[in-house]
Protein backbone atom coordinates (compact mmCIF):
# COMPACT_ATOMS: atom_id res chain seq x y z
CA UNK A 1 -0.87 -7.48 16.72
CA UNK A 2 -0.09 -10.92 15.36
CA UNK A 3 -3.46 -12.20 16.58
CA UNK A 4 -5.16 -9.30 14.79
CA UNK A 5 -3.17 -10.09 11.65
CA UNK A 6 -4.43 -13.69 11.76
CA UNK A 7 -8.03 -12.51 12.16
CA UNK A 8 -7.62 -10.05 9.30
CA UNK A 9 -6.19 -12.80 7.09
CA UNK A 10 -9.32 -14.87 7.71
CA UNK A 11 -11.53 -11.88 6.88
CA UNK A 12 -9.63 -11.22 3.66
CA UNK A 13 -9.83 -14.88 2.69
CA UNK A 14 -13.60 -14.88 3.15
CA UNK A 15 -14.06 -11.61 1.30
CA UNK A 16 -12.12 -12.76 -1.77
CA UNK A 17 -13.33 -16.37 -1.73
CA UNK A 18 -9.94 -17.85 -0.89
CA UNK A 19 -10.35 -21.35 0.57
CA UNK A 20 -9.74 -21.37 4.31
CA UNK A 21 -6.54 -23.07 5.52
CA UNK A 22 -5.16 -23.09 1.99
CA UNK A 23 -1.64 -22.12 0.93
CA UNK A 24 -3.03 -18.82 -0.36
CA UNK A 25 -4.55 -17.94 3.00
CA UNK A 26 -1.33 -18.95 4.75
CA UNK A 27 0.61 -16.63 2.41
CA UNK A 28 -1.76 -13.78 3.25
CA UNK A 29 -1.39 -14.56 6.94
CA UNK A 30 2.42 -14.56 6.78
CA UNK A 31 2.45 -11.27 4.86
CA UNK A 32 0.17 -9.62 7.42
CA UNK A 33 2.24 -11.01 10.31
CA UNK A 34 5.39 -9.54 8.80
CA UNK A 35 3.67 -6.19 8.34
CA UNK A 36 2.43 -6.27 11.97
CA UNK A 37 5.96 -6.96 13.22
CA UNK A 38 7.33 -4.10 11.10
CA UNK A 39 4.73 -1.65 12.42
CA UNK A 40 5.37 -2.76 16.00
CA UNK A 41 9.12 -2.30 15.63
CA UNK A 42 8.63 1.14 14.08
CA UNK A 43 6.42 2.26 16.95
CA UNK A 44 8.81 0.83 19.54
CA UNK A 45 11.87 2.60 18.08
CA UNK A 46 10.35 5.89 16.89
CA UNK A 47 7.32 6.40 19.09
CA UNK A 48 4.20 8.29 18.11
CA UNK A 49 5.63 11.55 16.87
CA UNK A 50 4.13 13.86 14.26
CA UNK A 51 7.06 13.37 11.86
CA UNK A 52 6.78 9.61 12.07
CA UNK A 53 3.03 9.81 11.41
CA UNK A 54 3.67 11.91 8.31
CA UNK A 55 6.36 9.50 7.10
CA UNK A 56 3.99 6.56 7.61
CA UNK A 57 1.33 8.37 5.58
CA UNK A 58 3.78 8.98 2.73
CA UNK A 59 4.79 5.30 2.80
CA UNK A 60 1.12 4.28 2.54
CA UNK A 61 0.54 6.66 -0.35
CA UNK A 62 3.59 5.41 -2.22
CA UNK A 63 2.36 1.83 -1.98
CA UNK A 64 -1.07 2.60 -3.37
CA UNK A 65 -0.57 5.51 -5.77
CA UNK A 66 1.74 6.44 -8.60
CA UNK A 67 5.12 7.77 -7.62
CA UNK A 68 5.53 11.52 -7.80
CA UNK A 69 7.83 11.15 -10.81
CA UNK A 70 5.32 9.05 -12.71
CA UNK A 71 2.59 11.54 -11.81
CA UNK A 72 4.69 14.41 -13.16
CA UNK A 73 5.52 12.59 -16.38
CA UNK A 74 1.88 11.63 -16.87
CA UNK A 75 0.78 15.24 -16.29
CA UNK A 76 3.33 16.65 -18.77
CA UNK A 77 2.47 14.00 -21.36
CA UNK A 78 -1.23 14.83 -21.09
CA UNK A 79 -0.47 18.55 -21.51
CA UNK A 80 1.66 17.78 -24.58
CA UNK A 81 -1.15 15.73 -26.10
CA UNK A 82 -3.64 18.49 -25.29
CA UNK A 83 -1.56 21.22 -26.99
CA UNK A 84 -0.29 19.16 -29.93
CA UNK A 85 -3.34 17.03 -30.63
CA UNK A 86 -4.51 16.03 -34.11
CA UNK A 87 -6.25 19.38 -34.63
CA UNK A 88 -2.89 21.23 -34.47
CA UNK A 89 -1.21 19.31 -37.25
């Protein structure tokens, strides 16, 4: 997995015009290596169970989306603005 992480770091560097063999590319490479080690350890300790797959999906969603609390607050705020907009006052 570490070899794949290195190859992915090179692909990301080319896609985003990061100079090859630069400190930025090395930072990307180290981050991807750490993530590969974490995934490998998770699979080695927990296996490929349905619950672990669901937990991994929730972890991926939480990294890329709003948290559920922020989503709820945003939803309620938008409803409040809808019902008490400038036309109500």
